[in-house]
Amino acid sequence: MSVPDPNIRFTYEDYRSLCDAADQRYELMDGEIVMVPAPTTRHQRVSRELEYLILNHVKKHDLGEVFDAPVDVVLGKGKDRQVVQPDIVFVAKERAGIVAEAAIEGAPDLVVEILSPSTEEWDRRYKKAVYARYGVREYWLVAPDTETIEVYVLEQDALMPSGVFAEHEPVVSRLWPDLALDPKEIF
């Protein structure tokens, strides 16, 4: 069995070549290509319902664009480049320039990750730090098992807790003060 060489860092070009040739989802984090497991059907249902509610609000008010996985979000440049595929992404209309043909090239305004047992620690710790470093304004962690939504907002250089929403507690967002999502509509 071979041992990976920690001095080898993959580039964005390596990542794109692998993704073009593979029938899997991957992310590029700190020069390492990480396979992302396929989501469960429950994960997909929750993602679909939440995206539907967000998309309706965004379209009704002409606020920007909403994307769902798999879409590459490219953060940083050169050897510090990270590539993630969040479950749901929102880019505000005034920042539409970061939306390119192949990827979103910069920090979205909102990133949503639906938690799975196999990725929860990764989403809670590592990705949260990456999103803060590159300026994601809001980060939502959606937990199907507990039927809760945790909202984090960017304050200075950190994503800080804004609230945990469950049952009939409306999810509120600084991005859309006029939107109140009922978690029961999502779970």
N, C-alpha and C. Protein backbone atom coordinates (compact mmCIF):
# COMPACT_ATOMS: atom_id res chain seq x y z
N MET A 1 0.85 -1.18 0.00
CA MET A 1 0.00 0.00 0.00
C MET A 1 0.89 1.24 0.00
N SER A 2 0.58 2.19 -0.84
CA SER A 2 1.40 3.40 -0.91
C SER A 2 0.90 4.44 0.08
N VAL A 3 1.80 5.26 0.55
CA VAL A 3 1.49 6.32 1.49
C VAL A 3 1.49 7.64 0.72
N PRO A 4 0.42 8.46 0.85
CA PRO A 4 0.39 9.72 0.13
C PRO A 4 1.53 10.64 0.55
N ASP A 5 2.06 11.35 -0.40
CA ASP A 5 3.13 12.31 -0.14
C ASP A 5 2.50 13.64 0.27
N PRO A 6 2.70 14.09 1.53
CA PRO A 6 2.08 15.33 1.98
C PRO A 6 2.61 16.56 1.25
N ASN A 7 3.72 16.42 0.52
CA ASN A 7 4.29 17.55 -0.21
C ASN A 7 3.62 17.75 -1.57
N ILE A 8 2.82 16.78 -2.00
CA ILE A 8 2.13 16.92 -3.29
C ILE A 8 0.82 17.65 -3.06
N ARG A 9 0.67 18.76 -3.77
CA ARG A 9 -0.57 19.53 -3.70
C ARG A 9 -1.20 19.55 -5.08
N PHE A 10 -2.46 19.19 -5.14
CA PHE A 10 -3.16 19.20 -6.42
C PHE A 10 -3.57 20.63 -6.77
N THR A 11 -3.62 20.91 -8.05
CA THR A 11 -4.01 22.22 -8.55
C THR A 11 -5.47 22.19 -8.98
N TYR A 12 -5.99 23.36 -9.28
CA TYR A 12 -7.36 23.45 -9.80
C TYR A 12 -7.46 22.71 -11.13
N GLU A 13 -6.41 22.77 -11.93
CA GLU A 13 -6.40 22.07 -13.22
C GLU A 13 -6.46 20.56 -13.01
N ASP A 14 -5.72 20.04 -12.02
CA ASP A 14 -5.79 18.62 -11.67
C ASP A 14 -7.23 18.25 -11.27
N TYR A 15 -7.81 19.09 -10.44
CA TYR A 15 -9.17 18.87 -9.97
C TYR A 15 -10.15 18.81 -11.14
N ARG A 16 -10.07 19.79 -12.05
CA ARG A 16 -10.98 19.83 -13.20
C ARG A 16 -10.80 18.59 -14.08
N SER A 17 -9.56 18.17 -14.29
CA SER A 17 -9.31 16.98 -15.10
C SER A 17 -9.95 15.75 -14.48
N LEU A 18 -9.80 15.62 -13.17
CA LEU A 18 -10.39 14.47 -12.48
C LEU A 18 -11.92 14.51 -12.56
N CYS A 19 -12.49 15.68 -12.32
CA CYS A 19 -13.95 15.80 -12.34
C CYS A 19 -14.52 15.55 -13.73
N ASP A 20 -13.82 15.99 -14.75
CA ASP A 20 -14.29 15.77 -16.12
C ASP A 20 -14.26 14.29 -16.49
N ALA A 21 -13.33 13.54 -15.90
CA ALA A 21 -13.16 12.13 -16.25
C ALA A 21 -13.90 11.18 -15.31
N ALA A 22 -14.38 11.69 -14.18
CA ALA A 22 -14.98 10.81 -13.17
C ALA A 22 -16.48 11.01 -13.07
N ASP A 23 -17.14 10.01 -12.55
CA ASP A 23 -18.57 10.08 -12.32
C ASP A 23 -18.83 10.19 -10.82
N GLN A 24 -18.06 11.02 -10.15
CA GLN A 24 -18.13 11.23 -8.71
C GLN A 24 -18.09 12.72 -8.45
N ARG A 25 -18.42 13.11 -7.22
CA ARG A 25 -18.29 14.50 -6.79
C ARG A 25 -17.02 14.63 -5.95
N TYR A 26 -16.27 15.70 -6.19
CA TYR A 26 -15.03 15.95 -5.46
C TYR A 26 -14.99 17.41 -5.02
N GLU A 27 -14.14 17.69 -4.03
CA GLU A 27 -13.82 19.04 -3.63
C GLU A 27 -12.30 19.13 -3.52
N LEU A 28 -11.77 20.34 -3.70
CA LEU A 28 -10.33 20.59 -3.58
C LEU A 28 -10.12 21.45 -2.34
N MET A 29 -9.49 20.86 -1.33
CA MET A 29 -9.30 21.57 -0.07
C MET A 29 -7.84 21.50 0.34
N ASP A 30 -7.20 22.66 0.41
CA ASP A 30 -5.78 22.74 0.80
C ASP A 30 -4.90 21.82 -0.03
N GLY A 31 -5.15 21.77 -1.34
CA GLY A 31 -4.34 20.98 -2.24
C GLY A 31 -4.65 19.50 -2.25
N GLU A 32 -5.65 19.08 -1.50
CA GLU A 32 -6.05 17.68 -1.44
C GLU A 32 -7.40 17.51 -2.13
N ILE A 33 -7.51 16.50 -2.98
CA ILE A 33 -8.79 16.21 -3.64
C ILE A 33 -9.56 15.24 -2.75
N VAL A 34 -10.76 15.65 -2.36
CA VAL A 34 -11.58 14.89 -1.43
C VAL A 34 -12.84 14.43 -2.14
N MET A 35 -13.12 13.11 -2.09
CA MET A 35 -14.35 12.60 -2.68
C MET A 35 -15.52 12.93 -1.75
N VAL A 36 -16.62 13.38 -2.33
CA VAL A 36 -17.82 13.70 -1.58
C VAL A 36 -18.83 12.59 -1.83
N PRO A 37 -19.29 11.90 -0.77
CA PRO A 37 -20.23 10.80 -0.99
C PRO A 37 -21.58 11.29 -1.51
N ALA A 38 -22.28 10.42 -2.20
CA ALA A 38 -23.61 10.76 -2.71
C ALA A 38 -24.55 11.01 -1.53
N PRO A 39 -25.43 12.00 -1.64
CA PRO A 39 -26.36 12.28 -0.55
C PRO A 39 -27.46 11.22 -0.46
N THR A 40 -28.06 11.12 0.73
CA THR A 40 -29.18 10.21 0.92
C THR A 40 -30.45 10.82 0.34
N THR A 41 -31.49 10.02 0.24
CA THR A 41 -32.76 10.56 -0.27
C THR A 41 -33.34 11.59 0.69
N ARG A 42 -33.18 11.38 1.99
CA ARG A 42 -33.68 12.38 2.96
C ARG A 42 -32.94 13.70 2.78
N HIS A 43 -31.64 13.63 2.62
CA HIS A 43 -30.81 14.81 2.36
C HIS A 43 -31.33 15.54 1.13
N GLN A 44 -31.59 14.81 0.07
CA GLN A 44 -32.08 15.41 -1.17
C GLN A 44 -33.45 16.06 -1.00
N ARG A 45 -34.35 15.41 -0.25
CA ARG A 45 -35.68 16.00 -0.01
C ARG A 45 -35.56 17.33 0.73
N VAL A 46 -34.76 17.33 1.79
CA VAL A 46 -34.59 18.55 2.58
C VAL A 46 -33.97 19.65 1.72
N SER A 47 -32.95 19.31 0.96
CA SER A 47 -32.30 20.28 0.08
C SER A 47 -33.29 20.85 -0.94
N ARG A 48 -34.08 19.98 -1.54
CA ARG A 48 -35.07 20.41 -2.55
C ARG A 48 -36.09 21.37 -1.94
N GLU A 49 -36.64 21.04 -0.78
CA GLU A 49 -37.66 21.89 -0.16
C GLU A 49 -37.09 23.25 0.22
N LEU A 50 -35.90 23.26 0.81
CA LEU A 50 -35.28 24.53 1.20
C LEU A 50 -34.94 25.36 -0.02
N GLU A 51 -34.36 24.73 -1.02
CA GLU A 51 -34.02 25.48 -2.24
C GLU A 51 -35.27 26.07 -2.88
N TYR A 52 -36.35 25.31 -2.91
CA TYR A 52 -37.61 25.79 -3.49
C TYR A 52 -38.07 27.07 -2.79
N LEU A 53 -38.05 27.08 -1.46
CA LEU A 53 -38.48 28.26 -0.70
C LEU A 53 -37.56 29.46 -0.94
N ILE A 54 -36.26 29.21 -0.91
CA ILE A 54 -35.29 30.29 -1.15
C ILE A 54 -35.43 30.82 -2.58
N LEU A 55 -35.49 29.91 -3.54
CA LEU A 55 -35.58 30.30 -4.95
C LEU A 55 -36.82 31.13 -5.22
N ASN A 56 -37.96 30.74 -4.67
CA ASN A 56 -39.19 31.51 -4.87
C ASN A 56 -39.03 32.93 -4.35
N HIS A 57 -38.44 33.08 -3.17
CA HIS A 57 -38.24 34.42 -2.60
C HIS A 57 -37.27 35.24 -3.45
N VAL A 58 -36.18 34.64 -3.83
CA VAL A 58 -35.16 35.34 -4.62
C VAL A 58 -35.72 35.78 -5.97
N LYS A 59 -36.46 34.89 -6.63
CA LYS A 59 -37.03 35.24 -7.94
C LYS A 59 -38.12 36.31 -7.81
N LYS A 60 -38.98 36.17 -6.82
CA LYS A 60 -40.08 37.12 -6.62
C LYS A 60 -39.56 38.53 -6.43
N HIS A 61 -38.44 38.67 -5.75
CA HIS A 61 -37.89 39.99 -5.44
C HIS A 61 -36.68 40.35 -6.29
N ASP A 62 -36.36 39.52 -7.29
CA ASP A 62 -35.24 39.77 -8.20
C ASP A 62 -33.95 40.09 -7.43
N LEU A 63 -33.57 39.17 -6.54
CA LEU A 63 -32.45 39.40 -5.63
C LEU A 63 -31.12 38.84 -6.11
N GLY A 64 -31.15 37.91 -7.06
CA GLY A 64 -29.91 37.28 -7.51
C GLY A 64 -30.18 35.91 -8.07
N GLU A 65 -29.24 34.98 -7.83
CA GLU A 65 -29.36 33.62 -8.35
C GLU A 65 -29.13 32.59 -7.25
N VAL A 66 -29.83 31.46 -7.40
CA VAL A 66 -29.69 30.33 -6.49
C VAL A 66 -29.20 29.14 -7.29
N PHE A 67 -28.23 28.42 -6.75
CA PHE A 67 -27.68 27.23 -7.40
C PHE A 67 -27.72 26.08 -6.41
N ASP A 68 -27.76 24.85 -6.96
CA ASP A 68 -27.68 23.68 -6.10
C ASP A 68 -26.56 22.76 -6.58
N ALA A 69 -26.19 21.84 -5.70
CA ALA A 69 -25.10 20.90 -6.01
C ALA A 69 -25.50 20.00 -7.17
N PRO A 70 -24.55 19.64 -7.98
CA PRO A 70 -23.14 20.01 -7.90
C PRO A 70 -22.83 21.27 -8.71
N VAL A 71 -22.31 22.28 -8.06
CA VAL A 71 -21.76 23.46 -8.73
C VAL A 71 -20.47 23.81 -7.99
N ASP A 72 -19.41 24.03 -8.75
CA ASP A 72 -18.14 24.40 -8.14
C ASP A 72 -18.17 25.84 -7.64
N VAL A 73 -17.73 26.03 -6.42
CA VAL A 73 -17.50 27.35 -5.86
C VAL A 73 -15.99 27.44 -5.64
N VAL A 74 -15.35 28.32 -6.39
CA VAL A 74 -13.89 28.44 -6.36
C VAL A 74 -13.53 29.64 -5.48
N LEU A 75 -12.78 29.36 -4.43
CA LEU A 75 -12.38 30.38 -3.47
C LEU A 75 -10.86 30.49 -3.47
N GLY A 76 -10.35 31.70 -3.55
CA GLY A 76 -8.91 31.91 -3.51
C GLY A 76 -8.25 31.74 -4.87
N LYS A 77 -6.95 31.93 -4.86
CA LYS A 77 -6.16 31.88 -6.10
C LYS A 77 -4.93 31.00 -5.89
N GLY A 78 -4.37 30.55 -7.00
CA GLY A 78 -3.11 29.80 -6.96
C GLY A 78 -3.14 28.59 -6.06
N LYS A 79 -2.07 28.40 -5.31
CA LYS A 79 -1.96 27.21 -4.46
C LYS A 79 -2.92 27.25 -3.28
N ASP A 80 -3.48 28.41 -2.97
CA ASP A 80 -4.45 28.52 -1.88
C ASP A 80 -5.89 28.32 -2.34
N ARG A 81 -6.06 27.98 -3.60
CA ARG A 81 -7.40 27.82 -4.16
C ARG A 81 -8.12 26.64 -3.52
N GLN A 82 -9.37 26.87 -3.15
CA GLN A 82 -10.25 25.83 -2.61
C GLN A 82 -11.43 25.69 -3.57
N VAL A 83 -11.92 24.48 -3.75
CA VAL A 83 -13.11 24.26 -4.58
C VAL A 83 -14.08 23.41 -3.77
N VAL A 84 -15.25 23.96 -3.53
CA VAL A 84 -16.27 23.26 -2.76
C VAL A 84 -17.54 23.15 -3.60
N GLN A 85 -18.40 22.22 -3.23
CA GLN A 85 -19.69 22.04 -3.89
C GLN A 85 -20.78 22.03 -2.83
N PRO A 86 -21.17 23.21 -2.34
CA PRO A 86 -22.21 23.28 -1.32
C PRO A 86 -23.54 22.76 -1.86
N ASP A 87 -24.44 22.44 -0.94
CA ASP A 87 -25.75 21.95 -1.35
C ASP A 87 -26.59 23.05 -2.01
N ILE A 88 -26.57 24.25 -1.44
CA ILE A 88 -27.31 25.38 -1.99
C ILE A 88 -26.43 26.62 -1.87
N VAL A 89 -26.48 27.46 -2.90
CA VAL A 89 -25.67 28.68 -2.94
C VAL A 89 -26.55 29.82 -3.45
N PHE A 90 -26.40 31.00 -2.83
CA PHE A 90 -27.07 32.21 -3.31
C PHE A 90 -26.01 33.26 -3.59
N VAL A 91 -26.13 33.89 -4.77
CA VAL A 91 -25.27 35.02 -5.15
C VAL A 91 -26.18 36.21 -5.40
N ALA A 92 -25.96 37.30 -4.67
CA ALA A 92 -26.77 38.50 -4.80
C ALA A 92 -26.59 39.12 -6.19
N LYS A 93 -27.66 39.75 -6.65
CA LYS A 93 -27.70 40.37 -7.99
C LYS A 93 -26.52 41.31 -8.23
N GLU A 94 -26.19 42.11 -7.24
CA GLU A 94 -25.09 43.08 -7.40
C GLU A 94 -23.72 42.42 -7.47
N ARG A 95 -23.66 41.11 -7.19
CA ARG A 95 -22.39 40.38 -7.26
C ARG A 95 -22.42 39.32 -8.35
N ALA A 96 -23.31 39.46 -9.30
CA ALA A 96 -23.49 38.46 -10.36
C ALA A 96 -22.21 38.21 -11.16
N GLY A 97 -21.27 39.11 -11.12
CA GLY A 97 -20.02 38.96 -11.86
C GLY A 97 -19.18 37.77 -11.42
N ILE A 98 -19.44 37.21 -10.24
CA ILE A 98 -18.66 36.05 -9.79
C ILE A 98 -19.20 34.75 -10.38
N VAL A 99 -20.36 34.82 -11.04
CA VAL A 99 -20.96 33.63 -11.65
C VAL A 99 -20.41 33.49 -13.06
N ALA A 100 -19.55 32.49 -13.26
CA ALA A 100 -18.96 32.22 -14.58
C ALA A 100 -19.64 30.98 -15.16
N GLU A 101 -19.28 30.64 -16.37
CA GLU A 101 -19.89 29.48 -17.04
C GLU A 101 -19.59 28.17 -16.31
N ALA A 102 -18.35 27.98 -15.88
CA ALA A 102 -17.95 26.70 -15.28
C ALA A 102 -18.08 26.66 -13.77
N ALA A 103 -18.13 27.82 -13.11
CA ALA A 103 -18.11 27.82 -11.65
C ALA A 103 -18.51 29.18 -11.10
N ILE A 104 -18.73 29.22 -9.82
CA ILE A 104 -18.89 30.48 -9.10
C ILE A 104 -17.49 30.82 -8.60
N GLU A 105 -16.96 31.94 -9.04
CA GLU A 105 -15.57 32.30 -8.78
C GLU A 105 -15.49 33.40 -7.73
N GLY A 106 -15.67 33.01 -6.49
CA GLY A 106 -15.65 33.94 -5.37
C GLY A 106 -16.65 33.49 -4.33
N ALA A 107 -16.67 34.22 -3.22
CA ALA A 107 -17.53 33.84 -2.10
C ALA A 107 -18.98 34.19 -2.38
N PRO A 108 -19.87 33.19 -2.35
CA PRO A 108 -21.30 33.48 -2.46
C PRO A 108 -21.77 34.26 -1.22
N ASP A 109 -22.94 34.84 -1.32
CA ASP A 109 -23.51 35.54 -0.18
C ASP A 109 -24.04 34.56 0.87
N LEU A 110 -24.60 33.44 0.40
CA LEU A 110 -25.12 32.40 1.29
C LEU A 110 -24.64 31.04 0.81
N VAL A 111 -24.19 30.23 1.76
CA VAL A 111 -23.87 28.83 1.50
C VAL A 111 -24.69 28.01 2.48
N VAL A 112 -25.35 26.97 1.95
CA VAL A 112 -26.12 26.05 2.78
C VAL A 112 -25.53 24.66 2.63
N GLU A 113 -25.26 24.02 3.75
CA GLU A 113 -24.82 22.63 3.76
C GLU A 113 -25.86 21.81 4.53
N ILE A 114 -26.36 20.74 3.91
CA ILE A 114 -27.24 19.80 4.57
C ILE A 114 -26.33 18.77 5.24
N LEU A 115 -26.43 18.64 6.54
CA LEU A 115 -25.52 17.76 7.27
C LEU A 115 -25.85 16.28 7.04
N SER A 116 -24.80 15.50 6.89
CA SER A 116 -24.87 14.05 6.79
C SER A 116 -23.90 13.50 7.83
N PRO A 117 -24.15 12.31 8.37
CA PRO A 117 -23.22 11.76 9.37
C PRO A 117 -21.78 11.70 8.86
N SER A 118 -21.59 11.41 7.59
CA SER A 118 -20.23 11.26 7.06
C SER A 118 -19.51 12.58 6.82
N THR A 119 -20.25 13.70 6.76
CA THR A 119 -19.62 14.99 6.46
C THR A 119 -19.84 16.05 7.53
N GLU A 120 -20.55 15.72 8.59
CA GLU A 120 -20.93 16.75 9.58
C GLU A 120 -19.74 17.48 10.18
N GLU A 121 -18.74 16.76 10.66
CA GLU A 121 -17.57 17.41 11.25
C GLU A 121 -16.85 18.29 10.23
N TRP A 122 -16.72 17.80 9.03
CA TRP A 122 -16.08 18.54 7.93
C TRP A 122 -16.82 19.85 7.68
N ASP A 123 -18.16 19.78 7.60
CA ASP A 123 -18.98 20.97 7.34
C ASP A 123 -18.93 21.95 8.52
N ARG A 124 -18.99 21.41 9.73
CA ARG A 124 -19.03 22.26 10.93
C ARG A 124 -17.70 22.97 11.21
N ARG A 125 -16.62 22.29 10.99
CA ARG A 125 -15.32 22.85 11.38
C ARG A 125 -14.56 23.42 10.17
N TYR A 126 -14.14 22.53 9.32
CA TYR A 126 -13.24 22.93 8.24
C TYR A 126 -13.92 23.86 7.24
N LYS A 127 -15.06 23.45 6.70
CA LYS A 127 -15.70 24.29 5.69
C LYS A 127 -16.14 25.63 6.27
N LYS A 128 -16.63 25.62 7.50
CA LYS A 128 -17.03 26.88 8.13
C LYS A 128 -15.86 27.85 8.18
N ALA A 129 -14.68 27.36 8.54
CA ALA A 129 -13.48 28.21 8.59
C ALA A 129 -13.10 28.71 7.20
N VAL A 130 -13.19 27.84 6.21
CA VAL A 130 -12.88 28.23 4.83
C VAL A 130 -13.86 29.30 4.35
N TYR A 131 -15.14 29.09 4.60
CA TYR A 131 -16.14 30.07 4.16
C TYR A 131 -15.92 31.43 4.83
N ALA A 132 -15.57 31.42 6.10
CA ALA A 132 -15.29 32.68 6.80
C ALA A 132 -14.06 33.36 6.20
N ARG A 133 -13.00 32.59 5.96
CA ARG A 133 -11.75 33.14 5.42
C ARG A 133 -11.98 33.86 4.09
N TYR A 134 -12.88 33.32 3.27
CA TYR A 134 -13.08 33.90 1.94
C TYR A 134 -14.28 34.84 1.86
N GLY A 135 -14.99 35.07 2.98
CA GLY A 135 -16.00 36.12 3.01
C GLY A 135 -17.42 35.74 2.69
N VAL A 136 -17.82 34.48 2.90
CA VAL A 136 -19.23 34.10 2.76
C VAL A 136 -20.00 34.84 3.84
N ARG A 137 -21.06 35.56 3.45
CA ARG A 137 -21.79 36.41 4.40
C ARG A 137 -22.66 35.63 5.38
N GLU A 138 -23.29 34.55 4.89
CA GLU A 138 -24.10 33.70 5.77
C GLU A 138 -23.85 32.24 5.44
N TYR A 139 -23.87 31.43 6.49
CA TYR A 139 -23.66 29.98 6.36
C TYR A 139 -24.75 29.29 7.16
N TRP A 140 -25.51 28.43 6.49
CA TRP A 140 -26.56 27.68 7.16
C TRP A 140 -26.17 26.21 7.22
N LEU A 141 -26.28 25.62 8.40
CA LEU A 141 -26.11 24.19 8.57
C LEU A 141 -27.48 23.60 8.87
N VAL A 142 -27.93 22.74 7.99
CA VAL A 142 -29.26 22.16 8.08
C VAL A 142 -29.12 20.71 8.53
N ALA A 143 -29.75 20.38 9.65
CA ALA A 143 -29.62 19.04 10.25
C ALA A 143 -30.92 18.26 10.12
N PRO A 144 -31.03 17.39 9.12
CA PRO A 144 -32.25 16.60 8.96
C PRO A 144 -32.56 15.73 10.18
N ASP A 145 -31.55 15.19 10.85
CA ASP A 145 -31.78 14.30 11.99
C ASP A 145 -32.46 15.01 13.16
N THR A 146 -32.08 16.26 13.42
CA THR A 146 -32.67 17.02 14.53
C THR A 146 -33.70 18.04 14.05
N GLU A 147 -33.86 18.14 12.74
CA GLU A 147 -34.79 19.09 12.11
C GLU A 147 -34.54 20.51 12.61
N THR A 148 -33.27 20.90 12.56
CA THR A 148 -32.87 22.25 12.95
C THR A 148 -32.05 22.90 11.85
N ILE A 149 -32.05 24.23 11.88
CA ILE A 149 -31.23 25.01 10.96
C ILE A 149 -30.42 25.99 11.80
N GLU A 150 -29.10 25.90 11.69
CA GLU A 150 -28.20 26.82 12.39
C GLU A 150 -27.77 27.89 11.39
N VAL A 151 -27.92 29.15 11.77
CA VAL A 151 -27.53 30.26 10.91
C VAL A 151 -26.30 30.94 11.51
N TYR A 152 -25.28 31.11 10.69
CA TYR A 152 -24.06 31.81 11.07
C TYR A 152 -23.90 33.02 10.16
N VAL A 153 -23.47 34.15 10.73
CA VAL A 153 -23.26 35.36 9.94
C VAL A 153 -21.81 35.81 10.08
N LEU A 154 -21.30 36.40 9.00
CA LEU A 154 -19.92 36.86 8.99
C LEU A 154 -19.80 38.15 9.78
N GLU A 155 -18.97 38.12 10.80
CA GLU A 155 -18.66 39.30 11.60
C GLU A 155 -17.15 39.39 11.67
N GLN A 156 -16.62 40.44 11.08
CA GLN A 156 -15.19 40.60 10.89
C GLN A 156 -14.69 39.42 10.07
N ASP A 157 -13.90 38.53 10.61
CA ASP A 157 -13.36 37.41 9.83
C ASP A 157 -13.86 36.06 10.31
N ALA A 158 -14.98 36.04 11.03
CA ALA A 158 -15.49 34.77 11.57
C ALA A 158 -16.98 34.64 11.32
N LEU A 159 -17.43 33.42 11.11
CA LEU A 159 -18.86 33.13 11.01
C LEU A 159 -19.36 32.87 12.43
N MET A 160 -20.19 33.78 12.91
CA MET A 160 -20.68 33.72 14.29
C MET A 160 -22.13 33.25 14.33
N PRO A 161 -22.52 32.51 15.39
CA PRO A 161 -23.90 32.02 15.48
C PRO A 161 -24.90 33.17 15.53
N SER A 162 -25.95 33.04 14.75
CA SER A 162 -27.02 34.02 14.74
C SER A 162 -28.29 33.42 15.33
N GLY A 163 -28.45 32.10 15.20
CA GLY A 163 -29.62 31.44 15.76
C GLY A 163 -29.70 29.99 15.34
N VAL A 164 -30.44 29.22 16.14
CA VAL A 164 -30.76 27.84 15.81
C VAL A 164 -32.27 27.76 15.77
N PHE A 165 -32.80 27.28 14.64
CA PHE A 165 -34.24 27.32 14.41
C PHE A 165 -34.78 25.91 14.25
N ALA A 166 -35.92 25.66 14.93
CA ALA A 166 -36.55 24.34 14.89
C ALA A 166 -38.07 24.51 14.92
N GLU A 167 -38.76 23.44 14.55
CA GLU A 167 -40.22 23.40 14.56
C GLU A 167 -40.80 24.64 13.91
N HIS A 168 -41.59 25.42 14.66
CA HIS A 168 -42.26 26.58 14.07
C HIS A 168 -41.54 27.89 14.36
N GLU A 169 -40.26 27.83 14.72
CA GLU A 169 -39.48 29.05 14.89
C GLU A 169 -39.01 29.48 13.51
N PRO A 170 -39.49 30.60 13.00
CA PRO A 170 -39.09 31.00 11.64
C PRO A 170 -37.59 31.27 11.53
N VAL A 171 -37.01 30.74 10.46
CA VAL A 171 -35.60 30.99 10.16
C VAL A 171 -35.50 32.41 9.63
N VAL A 172 -34.66 33.21 10.27
CA VAL A 172 -34.47 34.59 9.83
C VAL A 172 -33.04 34.76 9.32
N SER A 173 -32.91 35.65 8.35
CA SER A 173 -31.63 35.87 7.69
C SER A 173 -31.37 37.36 7.57
N ARG A 174 -30.14 37.76 7.79
CA ARG A 174 -29.78 39.17 7.57
C ARG A 174 -29.81 39.51 6.08
N LEU A 175 -29.64 38.50 5.24
CA LEU A 175 -29.67 38.73 3.79
C LEU A 175 -31.07 39.12 3.32
N TRP A 176 -32.08 38.51 3.94
CA TRP A 176 -33.48 38.74 3.54
C TRP A 176 -34.33 38.97 4.78
N PRO A 177 -34.32 40.18 5.33
CA PRO A 177 -35.08 40.45 6.56
C PRO A 177 -36.58 40.20 6.42
N ASP A 178 -37.10 40.27 5.20
CA ASP A 178 -38.53 40.08 4.99
C ASP A 178 -38.92 38.62 4.78
N LEU A 179 -37.99 37.70 4.89
CA LEU A 179 -38.27 36.28 4.70
C LEU A 179 -38.20 35.57 6.05
N ALA A 180 -39.23 34.77 6.32
CA ALA A 180 -39.25 33.93 7.52
C ALA A 180 -39.64 32.52 7.08
N LEU A 181 -38.68 31.60 7.10
CA LEU A 181 -38.93 30.23 6.66
C LEU A 181 -39.34 29.36 7.84
N ASP A 182 -40.42 28.62 7.68
CA ASP A 182 -40.87 27.69 8.71
C ASP A 182 -40.15 26.35 8.51
N PRO A 183 -39.34 25.92 9.48
CA PRO A 183 -38.64 24.64 9.31
C PRO A 183 -39.57 23.47 9.00
N LYS A 184 -40.82 23.52 9.44
CA LYS A 184 -41.75 22.43 9.16
C LYS A 184 -42.01 22.29 7.65
N GLU A 185 -41.84 23.37 6.90
CA GLU A 185 -41.99 23.31 5.44
C GLU A 185 -40.78 22.65 4.78
N ILE A 186 -39.70 22.57 5.51
CA ILE A 186 -38.45 22.04 4.96
C ILE A 186 -38.27 20.57 5.33
N PHE A 187 -38.62 20.23 6.57
CA PHE A 187 -38.42 18.86 7.05
C PHE A 187 -39.70 18.07 6.92
